Structures are given as structure tokens and as C-alpha cells.
Amino acid sequence: MTVKPIDGTFRDMFDVKDSDFFELEEEDFDTVLATDIKFKGKITLKKPFMIKGAVTGSIDAKSDIVIDSSANVEATIVAQRVLVRGKVIGNISAQQLVFVTATGTVSGDIEATQIVLEPGSTFTGRCTMLK
């Protein structure tokens, strides 16, 4: 197998389904929390969401969430799939996948069907793999 870097990562090394998730660009999201925005409270959403700024509170999503490399999130996150490129302090629960990239940091527990901690990522907490 030939491994090619994608977005600076080597995710081809992992058997990660739904690779379209990693190819989403900012314009693919209906909602993007910009780098200059700080939000405090509860976010509930049904469509994919990208966070580039700061969020404190909780996020309840029926879809996907991308925590971009500039983001700082202090929240409990519930979603279908979560891609962490930035910093998360709080527990993450995903129906399908949590993927923490080499630039990502998670301080909290992770629960998902599939969990990938890319080499270089930082994780402090417990992982629970769901069936």
C-alpha cells in the first residue's frame, strides 16, 4: 500500500470510513464559527458545523463537527462524526467517528464507534469504543 499525505496527515494508513469527511472545505459547511467569534452557551444543530473560533458550553449535533486548527473549544460535544484539528477541553461522544489529527488536542473522554489518534496528537482522558 502506498501512503500519501492528505492535508498534511497520513490518514490513509488507518482504515477510516467516510473519507469524504476529511475532504470538506469551509465552503461545504452551512455554518462556520469564524476565528474572531467567542460563543458561550448551548449549540444545537442538524447540519455540518465548522468551528474556527472559541466555544464554551455544549454542542449537540445531528451531523458532523470540525474543530479547526485555530479553534479553542471548552464543551461537551455530541455528534455523528468529529474531526479535531484544534483544542478541545471536554468529553466527545460520536455515533461514528472521532479523529484527532496531529495538530489536535483533546482533554476529556472520547466515546465513539471508531477513534483515531493520529501520531503527534495530544490526548488526556479515557477512550470507549462503541459496538
Protein backbone atom coordinates (compact mmCIF):
# COMPACT_ATOMS: atom_id res chain seq x y z
CA MET A 1 0.00 0.00 0.00
CA THR A 2 1.30 3.44 -0.89
CA VAL A 3 0.67 6.06 1.76
CA LYS A 4 0.15 9.58 0.51
CA PRO A 5 -0.17 12.59 2.82
CA ILE A 6 -3.60 14.21 2.65
CA ASP A 7 -3.97 17.62 4.29
CA GLY A 8 -0.60 17.02 5.95
CA THR A 9 -1.77 13.74 7.52
CA PHE A 10 -1.28 10.06 6.86
CA ARG A 11 -4.90 9.00 7.40
CA ASP A 12 -4.61 6.52 4.53
CA MET A 13 -2.69 4.36 6.99
CA PHE A 14 -5.86 3.97 9.02
CA ASP A 15 -8.96 2.09 7.94
CA VAL A 16 -11.17 5.15 8.31
CA LYS A 17 -14.52 5.00 6.57
CA ASP A 18 -16.31 8.07 5.21
CA SER A 19 -13.16 9.68 3.85
CA ASP A 20 -15.32 12.45 2.34
CA PHE A 21 -15.39 13.90 5.85
CA PHE A 22 -11.70 14.81 5.60
CA GLU A 23 -12.09 16.47 2.23
CA LEU A 24 -14.70 19.00 3.34
CA GLU A 25 -13.68 22.62 2.79
CA GLU A 26 -15.00 25.66 4.65
CA GLU A 27 -17.45 26.43 1.82
CA ASP A 28 -19.01 22.96 2.26
CA PHE A 29 -20.41 23.99 5.65
CA ASP A 30 -23.68 25.86 6.15
CA THR A 31 -22.37 27.28 9.40
CA VAL A 32 -18.83 28.35 10.27
CA LEU A 33 -17.95 30.00 13.57
CA ALA A 34 -15.21 32.42 12.49
CA THR A 35 -11.88 32.90 14.27
CA ASP A 36 -12.94 36.26 15.75
CA ILE A 37 -16.10 34.86 17.41
CA LYS A 38 -16.35 33.65 21.01
CA PHE A 39 -19.60 31.81 21.80
CA LYS A 40 -20.80 30.81 25.26
CA GLY A 41 -23.85 28.58 25.69
CA LYS A 42 -25.55 25.59 24.08
CA ILE A 43 -25.35 24.96 20.33
CA THR A 44 -27.89 22.59 18.79
CA LEU A 45 -27.71 21.85 15.07
CA LYS A 46 -28.66 19.42 12.34
CA LYS A 47 -26.17 20.28 9.57
CA PRO A 48 -22.35 20.09 9.44
CA PHE A 49 -20.63 22.75 11.53
CA MET A 50 -17.06 24.11 11.48
CA ILE A 51 -15.57 25.89 14.47
CA LYS A 52 -12.64 28.22 13.91
CA GLY A 53 -13.21 30.46 16.94
CA ALA A 54 -13.94 29.74 20.60
CA VAL A 55 -16.88 27.89 22.12
CA THR A 56 -17.66 27.37 25.80
CA GLY A 57 -20.66 25.27 26.82
CA SER A 58 -22.16 22.32 24.95
CA ILE A 59 -22.64 21.22 21.35
CA ASP A 60 -25.41 18.80 20.36
CA ALA A 61 -25.21 17.96 16.66
CA LYS A 62 -27.15 15.53 14.48
CA SER A 63 -24.36 15.80 11.91
CA ASP A 64 -20.60 16.38 11.67
CA ILE A 65 -18.38 18.84 13.51
CA VAL A 66 -14.93 20.05 12.52
CA ILE A 67 -12.83 21.76 15.18
CA ASP A 68 -10.36 23.70 13.03
CA SER A 69 -6.70 24.22 13.96
CA SER A 70 -7.34 27.76 15.27
CA ALA A 71 -10.32 26.70 17.45
CA ASN A 72 -10.49 26.50 21.23
CA VAL A 73 -13.49 24.53 22.49
CA GLU A 74 -14.40 24.00 26.14
CA ALA A 75 -17.56 21.98 25.74
CA THR A 76 -19.28 18.65 25.85
CA ILE A 77 -19.69 17.53 22.24
CA VAL A 78 -22.27 15.07 20.88
CA ALA A 79 -22.25 14.47 17.10
CA GLN A 80 -22.18 11.90 14.31
CA ARG A 81 -18.51 12.46 13.43
CA VAL A 82 -15.95 14.82 14.98
CA LEU A 83 -12.69 15.91 13.40
CA VAL A 84 -10.36 17.67 15.86
CA ARG A 85 -7.58 19.79 14.40
CA GLY A 86 -7.59 22.33 17.25
CA LYS A 87 -8.04 22.20 21.03
CA VAL A 88 -10.94 20.58 22.88
CA ILE A 89 -11.40 20.51 26.64
CA GLY A 90 -14.43 18.35 27.39
CA ASN A 91 -15.96 14.99 26.58
CA ILE A 92 -16.70 13.95 23.00
CA SER A 93 -19.37 11.40 22.11
CA ALA A 94 -19.82 10.45 18.44
CA GLN A 95 -22.12 7.92 16.80
CA GLN A 96 -19.48 7.06 14.20
CA LEU A 97 -16.01 8.58 14.35
CA VAL A 98 -13.72 10.82 16.37
CA PHE A 99 -10.49 11.64 14.55
CA VAL A 100 -7.82 13.73 16.30
CA THR A 101 -5.21 14.99 13.83
CA ALA A 102 -1.54 15.65 14.56
CA THR A 103 -2.41 19.30 15.35
CA GLY A 104 -5.32 18.31 17.61
CA THR A 105 -5.53 18.22 21.39
CA VAL A 106 -8.29 16.61 23.45
CA SER A 107 -8.50 16.78 27.25
CA GLY A 108 -11.55 14.70 28.11
CA ASP A 109 -13.15 11.34 27.48
CA ILE A 110 -13.89 10.12 23.96
CA GLU A 111 -16.68 7.68 23.11
CA ALA A 112 -17.30 6.53 19.53
CA THR A 113 -17.58 3.52 17.24
CA GLN A 114 -14.21 4.42 15.73
CA ILE A 115 -11.49 6.53 17.38
CA VAL A 116 -8.28 7.59 15.66
CA LEU A 117 -5.49 9.47 17.41
CA GLU A 118 -3.04 10.48 14.73
CA PRO A 119 0.68 10.44 15.62
CA GLY A 120 1.56 13.85 17.05
CA SER A 121 -1.89 14.46 18.55
CA THR A 122 -2.31 15.04 22.27
CA PHE A 123 -4.95 13.18 24.29
CA THR A 124 -5.65 13.06 28.01
CA GLY A 125 -8.68 11.03 29.07
CA ARG A 126 -10.40 7.70 28.51
CA CYS A 127 -11.46 6.12 25.23
CA THR A 128 -14.54 3.95 24.95
CA MET A 129 -15.15 2.09 21.68
CA LEU A 130 -18.84 1.50 20.98
CA LYS A 131 -20.14 -1.51 19.05
